[in-house]
């Protein structure tokens, strides 16, 4: 079982001058779900190398068992520091693909041609795709076989407008995930703010927020089991 994890390379929070990137929990929790399931994990990002970490996700109150495990895992840290360029691996064969969130993907992965092509191609092939929190933003320009938005008619979730308002970034982000998915014809589903909420639509698995990370990864892995 070979799983590709696609991380952002974007490190600036709009025009605020503040840093952003990927959210640590949304990487660490799925990483260990995949690792413990025996998966070979390939890490990639648009620029390659070490992806930027949102410092807010490394604060004391954002720590979880998975993030603590990562901080004591030299192998995982080395792998993260040397992600492959997405353009070099996007056409390789993978059994599942997972996108961690953080605000970064709204700027780069949402617009990245290699990422868009990867999502379109693998969705059409039936490969299980998992995207959590802000990562469903990467589906913004992805198309289905009919040429319409990939998410059109699908039940999906992602970081909600109310959660974006709560973190004070609703007017900073280039677009709001909930608004974009709804505008693209998706059936947007949400649970309580900050609680785990995961939606499965065929081979597309989406999670609402950091608390949804591990559950999204587990459901993704379950799609690879014989029916």
C-alpha atoms as a PDB file:
ATOM      1  CA  UNK A   1       0.000   0.000   0.000  1.00  0.00           C
ATOM      2  CA  UNK A   2       1.514   3.292  -1.155  1.00  0.00           C
ATOM      3  CA  UNK A   3       0.104   6.614   0.080  1.00  0.00           C
ATOM      4  CA  UNK A   4       0.992  10.063  -1.202  1.00  0.00           C
ATOM      5  CA  UNK A   5       0.685  12.976   1.223  1.00  0.00           C
ATOM      6  CA  UNK A   6       0.649  16.387  -0.483  1.00  0.00           C
ATOM      7  CA  UNK A   7       1.643  19.412   1.614  1.00  0.00           C
ATOM      8  CA  UNK A   8       1.665  23.134   0.929  1.00  0.00           C
ATOM      9  CA  UNK A   9       4.771  25.166   0.127  1.00  0.00           C
ATOM     10  CA  UNK A  10       3.096  28.511   0.854  1.00  0.00           C
ATOM     11  CA  UNK A  11       4.313  30.339   3.960  1.00  0.00           C
ATOM     12  CA  UNK A  12       2.694  33.822   3.970  1.00  0.00           C
ATOM     13  CA  UNK A  13      -0.757  34.642   5.335  1.00  0.00           C
ATOM     14  CA  UNK A  14      -1.954  36.968   2.609  1.00  0.00           C
ATOM     15  CA  UNK A  15      -0.846  40.574   3.116  1.00  0.00           C
ATOM     16  CA  UNK A  16      -0.666  40.328   6.903  1.00  0.00           C
ATOM     17  CA  UNK A  17       3.063  39.649   7.015  1.00  0.00           C
ATOM     18  CA  UNK A  18       2.338  36.697   9.283  1.00  0.00           C
ATOM     19  CA  UNK A  19       3.523  33.141   8.601  1.00  0.00           C
ATOM     20  CA  UNK A  20       1.338  30.211   7.639  1.00  0.00           C
ATOM     21  CA  UNK A  21       1.817  26.761   6.131  1.00  0.00           C
ATOM     22  CA  UNK A  22       0.533  23.293   6.964  1.00  0.00           C
ATOM     23  CA  UNK A  23      -1.156  22.375  10.254  1.00  0.00           C
ATOM     24  CA  UNK A  24       0.935  19.946  12.269  1.00  0.00           C
ATOM     25  CA  UNK A  25      -1.899  17.802  13.664  1.00  0.00           C
ATOM     26  CA  UNK A  26      -3.382  17.413  10.184  1.00  0.00           C
ATOM     27  CA  UNK A  27      -0.092  15.948   9.002  1.00  0.00           C
ATOM     28  CA  UNK A  28       0.964  13.966  12.063  1.00  0.00           C
ATOM     29  CA  UNK A  29      -2.287  12.178  12.881  1.00  0.00           C
ATOM     30  CA  UNK A  30      -2.875  10.852   9.332  1.00  0.00           C
ATOM     31  CA  UNK A  31       0.821  10.061   8.909  1.00  0.00           C
ATOM     32  CA  UNK A  32       0.696   7.643  11.821  1.00  0.00           C
ATOM     33  CA  UNK A  33      -2.639   6.163  10.742  1.00  0.00           C
ATOM     34  CA  UNK A  34      -0.983   5.297   7.430  1.00  0.00           C
ATOM     35  CA  UNK A  35       2.315   4.194   8.965  1.00  0.00           C
ATOM     36  CA  UNK A  36       0.632   1.953  11.518  1.00  0.00           C
ATOM     37  CA  UNK A  37      -1.432   0.392   8.727  1.00  0.00           C
ATOM     38  CA  UNK A  38       1.801  -0.646   7.030  1.00  0.00           C
ATOM     39  CA  UNK A  39       1.732   1.917   4.249  1.00  0.00           C
ATOM     40  CA  UNK A  40       4.700   3.200   2.313  1.00  0.00           C
ATOM     41  CA  UNK A  41       4.345   6.979   2.594  1.00  0.00           C
ATOM     42  CA  UNK A  42       5.628   9.454   0.024  1.00  0.00           C
ATOM     43  CA  UNK A  43       5.636  13.136   1.013  1.00  0.00           C
ATOM     44  CA  UNK A  44       5.450  15.819  -1.680  1.00  0.00           C
ATOM     45  CA  UNK A  45       4.914  19.562  -2.027  1.00  0.00           C
ATOM     46  CA  UNK A  46       4.947  21.987  -4.953  1.00  0.00           C
ATOM     47  CA  UNK A  47       8.436  23.296  -4.154  1.00  0.00           C
ATOM     48  CA  UNK A  48       9.864  20.146  -2.571  1.00  0.00           C
ATOM     49  CA  UNK A  49      12.059  20.232   0.506  1.00  0.00           C
ATOM     50  CA  UNK A  50      10.774  21.226   3.946  1.00  0.00           C
ATOM     51  CA  UNK A  51       7.193  22.538   3.830  1.00  0.00           C
ATOM     52  CA  UNK A  52       6.432  25.553   6.028  1.00  0.00           C
ATOM     53  CA  UNK A  53       4.808  24.781   9.365  1.00  0.00           C
ATOM     54  CA  UNK A  54       2.091  27.112  10.619  1.00  0.00           C
ATOM     55  CA  UNK A  55       3.587  28.161  13.980  1.00  0.00           C
ATOM     56  CA  UNK A  56       0.120  28.331  15.534  1.00  0.00           C
ATOM     57  CA  UNK A  57      -0.152  24.572  15.051  1.00  0.00           C
ATOM     58  CA  UNK A  58       2.991  24.083  17.116  1.00  0.00           C
ATOM     59  CA  UNK A  59       1.703  26.007  20.130  1.00  0.00           C
ATOM     60  CA  UNK A  60       1.266  24.234  23.446  1.00  0.00           C
ATOM     61  CA  UNK A  61      -2.515  24.106  23.238  1.00  0.00           C
ATOM     62  CA  UNK A  62      -2.425  22.562  19.750  1.00  0.00           C
ATOM     63  CA  UNK A  63      -0.442  19.483  20.771  1.00  0.00           C
ATOM     64  CA  UNK A  64      -1.905  15.989  20.553  1.00  0.00           C
ATOM     65  CA  UNK A  65      -0.598  12.464  21.007  1.00  0.00           C
ATOM     66  CA  UNK A  66       0.219  12.382  17.276  1.00  0.00           C
ATOM     67  CA  UNK A  67       2.186  15.645  17.310  1.00  0.00           C
ATOM     68  CA  UNK A  68       4.133  14.509  20.371  1.00  0.00           C
ATOM     69  CA  UNK A  69       4.905  11.213  18.637  1.00  0.00           C
ATOM     70  CA  UNK A  70       6.157  13.143  15.616  1.00  0.00           C
ATOM     71  CA  UNK A  71       8.464  15.256  17.763  1.00  0.00           C
ATOM     72  CA  UNK A  72      10.114  12.076  19.022  1.00  0.00           C
ATOM     73  CA  UNK A  73      10.326  10.458  15.583  1.00  0.00           C
ATOM     74  CA  UNK A  74      13.586  11.312  13.825  1.00  0.00           C
ATOM     75  CA  UNK A  75      12.649   9.312  10.722  1.00  0.00           C
ATOM     76  CA  UNK A  76       9.387  11.200  10.249  1.00  0.00           C
ATOM     77  CA  UNK A  77      11.132  14.528  10.791  1.00  0.00           C
ATOM     78  CA  UNK A  78      13.769  13.648   8.191  1.00  0.00           C
ATOM     79  CA  UNK A  79      11.108  12.621   5.688  1.00  0.00           C
ATOM     80  CA  UNK A  80       9.184  15.848   6.201  1.00  0.00           C
ATOM     81  CA  UNK A  81      12.325  17.942   5.757  1.00  0.00           C
ATOM     82  CA  UNK A  82      12.904  16.405   2.328  1.00  0.00           C
ATOM     83  CA  UNK A  83       9.544  16.204   0.567  1.00  0.00           C
ATOM     84  CA  UNK A  84       9.619  15.356  -3.121  1.00  0.00           C
ATOM     85  CA  UNK A  85       8.574  17.893  -5.732  1.00  0.00           C
ATOM     86  CA  UNK A  86       4.946  17.209  -6.583  1.00  0.00           C
ATOM     87  CA  UNK A  87       5.705  17.506 -10.299  1.00  0.00           C
ATOM     88  CA  UNK A  88       8.186  14.613  -9.968  1.00  0.00           C
ATOM     89  CA  UNK A  89       5.757  12.181  -8.351  1.00  0.00           C
ATOM     90  CA  UNK A  90       2.297  13.285  -9.518  1.00  0.00           C
ATOM     91  CA  UNK A  91       2.128  10.598 -12.220  1.00  0.00           C
ATOM     92  CA  UNK A  92       3.450   7.767 -10.028  1.00  0.00           C
ATOM     93  CA  UNK A  93       1.105   5.003  -8.938  1.00  0.00           C
ATOM     94  CA  UNK A  94      -0.450   5.484  -5.503  1.00  0.00           C
ATOM     95  CA  UNK A  95      -3.150   3.531  -3.723  1.00  0.00           C
ATOM     96  CA  UNK A  96      -4.434   6.588  -1.838  1.00  0.00           C
ATOM     97  CA  UNK A  97      -3.728  10.315  -1.680  1.00  0.00           C
ATOM     98  CA  UNK A  98      -4.091  12.610   1.316  1.00  0.00           C
ATOM     99  CA  UNK A  99      -3.910  16.398   1.637  1.00  0.00           C
ATOM    100  CA  UNK A 100      -3.303  17.908   5.104  1.00  0.00           C
ATOM    101  CA  UNK A 101      -4.679  21.399   5.647  1.00  0.00           C
ATOM    102  CA  UNK A 102      -3.462  24.593   7.182  1.00  0.00           C
ATOM    103  CA  UNK A 103      -4.153  27.876   5.416  1.00  0.00           C
ATOM    104  CA  UNK A 104      -1.255  27.459   2.975  1.00  0.00           C
ATOM    105  CA  UNK A 105      -3.122  25.254   0.456  1.00  0.00           C
ATOM    106  CA  UNK A 106      -5.596  28.058  -0.265  1.00  0.00           C
ATOM    107  CA  UNK A 107      -2.799  29.973  -1.977  1.00  0.00           C
ATOM    108  CA  UNK A 108      -0.701  27.335  -3.719  1.00  0.00           C
ATOM    109  CA  UNK A 109      -2.371  23.920  -3.998  1.00  0.00           C
ATOM    110  CA  UNK A 110      -5.670  25.465  -5.071  1.00  0.00           C
ATOM    111  CA  UNK A 111      -3.888  26.936  -8.101  1.00  0.00           C
ATOM    112  CA  UNK A 112      -1.139  24.361  -8.718  1.00  0.00           C
ATOM    113  CA  UNK A 113      -1.497  22.659 -12.100  1.00  0.00           C
ATOM    114  CA  UNK A 114       0.196  19.451 -10.985  1.00  0.00           C
ATOM    115  CA  UNK A 115      -2.086  19.186  -7.958  1.00  0.00           C
ATOM    116  CA  UNK A 116      -5.221  19.917  -9.971  1.00  0.00           C
ATOM    117  CA  UNK A 117      -4.278  17.345 -12.610  1.00  0.00           C
ATOM    118  CA  UNK A 118      -3.438  14.784  -9.923  1.00  0.00           C
ATOM    119  CA  UNK A 119      -6.806  15.205  -8.215  1.00  0.00           C
ATOM    120  CA  UNK A 120      -8.733  15.061 -11.478  1.00  0.00           C
ATOM    121  CA  UNK A 121      -6.885  11.998 -12.748  1.00  0.00           C
ATOM    122  CA  UNK A 122      -6.985  10.037  -9.503  1.00  0.00           C
ATOM    123  CA  UNK A 123     -10.612  10.869  -8.745  1.00  0.00           C
ATOM    124  CA  UNK A 124     -11.593   9.608 -12.213  1.00  0.00           C
ATOM    125  CA  UNK A 125      -9.534   6.452 -11.629  1.00  0.00           C
ATOM    126  CA  UNK A 126     -11.329   5.740  -8.348  1.00  0.00           C
ATOM    127  CA  UNK A 127      -8.271   6.251  -6.165  1.00  0.00           C
ATOM    128  CA  UNK A 128      -9.290   7.135  -2.593  1.00  0.00           C
ATOM    129  CA  UNK A 129      -8.660  10.841  -2.001  1.00  0.00           C
ATOM    130  CA  UNK A 130      -8.618  12.425   1.472  1.00  0.00           C
ATOM    131  CA  UNK A 131      -8.544  16.161   2.169  1.00  0.00           C
ATOM    132  CA  UNK A 132      -8.951  17.774   5.577  1.00  0.00           C
ATOM    133  CA  UNK A 133      -9.775  21.266   6.907  1.00  0.00           C
ATOM    134  CA  UNK A 134      -8.498  23.847   4.376  1.00  0.00           C
ATOM    135  CA  UNK A 135      -7.133  21.192   2.016  1.00  0.00           C
ATOM    136  CA  UNK A 136     -10.503  20.749   0.218  1.00  0.00           C
ATOM    137  CA  UNK A 137      -9.623  24.191  -1.139  1.00  0.00           C
ATOM    138  CA  UNK A 138      -7.280  22.305  -3.480  1.00  0.00           C
ATOM    139  CA  UNK A 139     -10.422  21.092  -5.285  1.00  0.00           C
ATOM    140  CA  UNK A 140     -11.325  24.659  -6.316  1.00  0.00           C
ATOM    141  CA  UNK A 141     -10.444  24.316 -10.010  1.00  0.00           C
ATOM    142  CA  UNK A 142     -10.560  20.519 -10.339  1.00  0.00           C
ATOM    143  CA  UNK A 143     -13.000  19.236 -12.950  1.00  0.00           C
ATOM    144  CA  UNK A 144     -14.977  16.006 -13.307  1.00  0.00           C
ATOM    145  CA  UNK A 145     -15.265  13.903 -16.459  1.00  0.00           C
ATOM    146  CA  UNK A 146     -18.083  16.144 -17.716  1.00  0.00           C
ATOM    147  CA  UNK A 147     -15.968  19.273 -17.400  1.00  0.00           C
ATOM    148  CA  UNK A 148     -17.855  20.668 -14.428  1.00  0.00           C
ATOM    149  CA  UNK A 149     -16.512  21.187 -10.913  1.00  0.00           C
ATOM    150  CA  UNK A 150     -15.260  17.894  -9.482  1.00  0.00           C
ATOM    151  CA  UNK A 151     -17.277  18.426  -6.306  1.00  0.00           C
ATOM    152  CA  UNK A 152     -20.541  19.235  -8.105  1.00  0.00           C
ATOM    153  CA  UNK A 153     -23.326  17.158  -6.591  1.00  0.00           C
ATOM    154  CA  UNK A 154     -21.032  15.535  -4.019  1.00  0.00           C
ATOM    155  CA  UNK A 155     -21.506  15.698  -0.275  1.00  0.00           C
ATOM    156  CA  UNK A 156     -18.331  17.257   1.146  1.00  0.00           C
ATOM    157  CA  UNK A 157     -17.050  19.157   4.152  1.00  0.00           C
ATOM    158  CA  UNK A 158     -14.143  21.407   5.044  1.00  0.00           C
ATOM    159  CA  UNK A 159     -13.252  24.326   7.285  1.00  0.00           C
ATOM    160  CA  UNK A 160     -16.503  26.194   7.860  1.00  0.00           C
ATOM    161  CA  UNK A 161     -17.213  29.889   7.540  1.00  0.00           C
ATOM    162  CA  UNK A 162     -17.924  30.057  11.256  1.00  0.00           C
ATOM    163  CA  UNK A 163     -14.586  28.431  12.091  1.00  0.00           C
ATOM    164  CA  UNK A 164     -12.808  30.855   9.747  1.00  0.00           C
ATOM    165  CA  UNK A 165     -14.556  33.749  11.457  1.00  0.00           C
ATOM    166  CA  UNK A 166     -13.532  32.373  14.845  1.00  0.00           C
ATOM    167  CA  UNK A 167      -9.838  32.406  13.935  1.00  0.00           C
ATOM    168  CA  UNK A 168     -10.170  35.936  12.544  1.00  0.00           C
ATOM    169  CA  UNK A 169      -9.103  35.122   8.991  1.00  0.00           C
ATOM    170  CA  UNK A 170     -12.370  35.208   7.054  1.00  0.00           C
ATOM    171  CA  UNK A 171     -11.315  38.416   5.322  1.00  0.00           C
ATOM    172  CA  UNK A 172      -7.653  37.429   4.919  1.00  0.00           C
ATOM    173  CA  UNK A 173      -7.938  34.153   2.993  1.00  0.00           C
ATOM    174  CA  UNK A 174      -8.188  34.296  -0.821  1.00  0.00           C
ATOM    175  CA  UNK A 175     -11.463  32.384  -0.551  1.00  0.00           C
ATOM    176  CA  UNK A 176     -13.454  30.596   2.120  1.00  0.00           C
ATOM    177  CA  UNK A 177     -13.577  26.829   1.765  1.00  0.00           C
ATOM    178  CA  UNK A 178     -17.277  26.494   2.585  1.00  0.00           C
ATOM    179  CA  UNK A 179     -18.262  29.257   0.159  1.00  0.00           C
ATOM    180  CA  UNK A 180     -16.132  27.844  -2.654  1.00  0.00           C
ATOM    181  CA  UNK A 181     -17.436  24.296  -2.293  1.00  0.00           C
ATOM    182  CA  UNK A 182     -21.016  25.531  -2.203  1.00  0.00           C
ATOM    183  CA  UNK A 183     -20.465  27.769  -5.249  1.00  0.00           C
ATOM    184  CA  UNK A 184     -19.046  24.767  -7.108  1.00  0.00           C
ATOM    185  CA  UNK A 185     -22.264  22.859  -6.552  1.00  0.00           C
ATOM    186  CA  UNK A 186     -21.210  20.635  -3.667  1.00  0.00           C
ATOM    187  CA  UNK A 187     -23.588  19.598  -0.920  1.00  0.00           C
ATOM    188  CA  UNK A 188     -21.676  21.137   1.964  1.00  0.00           C
ATOM    189  CA  UNK A 189     -22.033  19.287   5.255  1.00  0.00           C
ATOM    190  CA  UNK A 190     -20.779  20.465   8.628  1.00  0.00           C
ATOM    191  CA  UNK A 191     -20.753  19.354  12.234  1.00  0.00           C
ATOM    192  CA  UNK A 192     -20.177  21.454  15.321  1.00  0.00           C
ATOM    193  CA  UNK A 193     -17.280  23.869  15.148  1.00  0.00           C
ATOM    194  CA  UNK A 194     -13.982  22.188  16.134  1.00  0.00           C
ATOM    195  CA  UNK A 195     -15.584  18.711  16.472  1.00  0.00           C
ATOM    196  CA  UNK A 196     -14.664  15.788  14.232  1.00  0.00           C
ATOM    197  CA  UNK A 197     -16.834  15.561  11.138  1.00  0.00           C
ATOM    198  CA  UNK A 198     -15.987  13.437   8.099  1.00  0.00           C
ATOM    199  CA  UNK A 199     -17.923  12.896   4.874  1.00  0.00           C
ATOM    200  CA  UNK A 200     -17.478  10.107   2.324  1.00  0.00           C
ATOM    201  CA  UNK A 201     -18.681  10.577  -1.259  1.00  0.00           C
ATOM    202  CA  UNK A 202     -17.568   7.672  -3.409  1.00  0.00           C
ATOM    203  CA  UNK A 203     -13.775   7.722  -3.349  1.00  0.00           C
ATOM    204  CA  UNK A 204     -13.612  11.286  -1.950  1.00  0.00           C
ATOM    205  CA  UNK A 205     -13.177  11.645   1.825  1.00  0.00           C
ATOM    206  CA  UNK A 206     -13.236  15.120   3.375  1.00  0.00           C
ATOM    207  CA  UNK A 207     -12.757  16.228   6.990  1.00  0.00           C
ATOM    208  CA  UNK A 208     -13.916  19.491   8.525  1.00  0.00           C
ATOM    209  CA  UNK A 209     -11.074  20.583  10.804  1.00  0.00           C
ATOM    210  CA  UNK A 210      -7.961  19.429  12.699  1.00  0.00           C
ATOM    211  CA  UNK A 211     -10.042  17.207  14.993  1.00  0.00           C
ATOM    212  CA  UNK A 212     -11.186  15.332  11.877  1.00  0.00           C
ATOM    213  CA  UNK A 213      -7.675  14.427  10.682  1.00  0.00           C
ATOM    214  CA  UNK A 214      -7.259  10.927  12.086  1.00  0.00           C
ATOM    215  CA  UNK A 215     -10.832   9.910  11.268  1.00  0.00           C
ATOM    216  CA  UNK A 216     -10.429  11.105   7.681  1.00  0.00           C
ATOM    217  CA  UNK A 217      -7.267   9.037   7.315  1.00  0.00           C
ATOM    218  CA  UNK A 218      -8.888   5.940   8.832  1.00  0.00           C
ATOM    219  CA  UNK A 219     -11.837   6.160   6.454  1.00  0.00           C
ATOM    220  CA  UNK A 220      -9.418   6.655   3.568  1.00  0.00           C
ATOM    221  CA  UNK A 221      -7.540   3.481   4.519  1.00  0.00           C
ATOM    222  CA  UNK A 222     -10.829   1.612   4.870  1.00  0.00           C
ATOM    223  CA  UNK A 223     -11.553   2.314   1.215  1.00  0.00           C
ATOM    224  CA  UNK A 224      -8.588   0.123   0.311  1.00  0.00           C
ATOM    225  CA  UNK A 225      -9.938  -2.917   2.103  1.00  0.00           C
ATOM    226  CA  UNK A 226     -11.694  -5.648   0.071  1.00  0.00           C
ATOM    227  CA  UNK A 227     -15.429  -5.023  -0.008  1.00  0.00           C
END
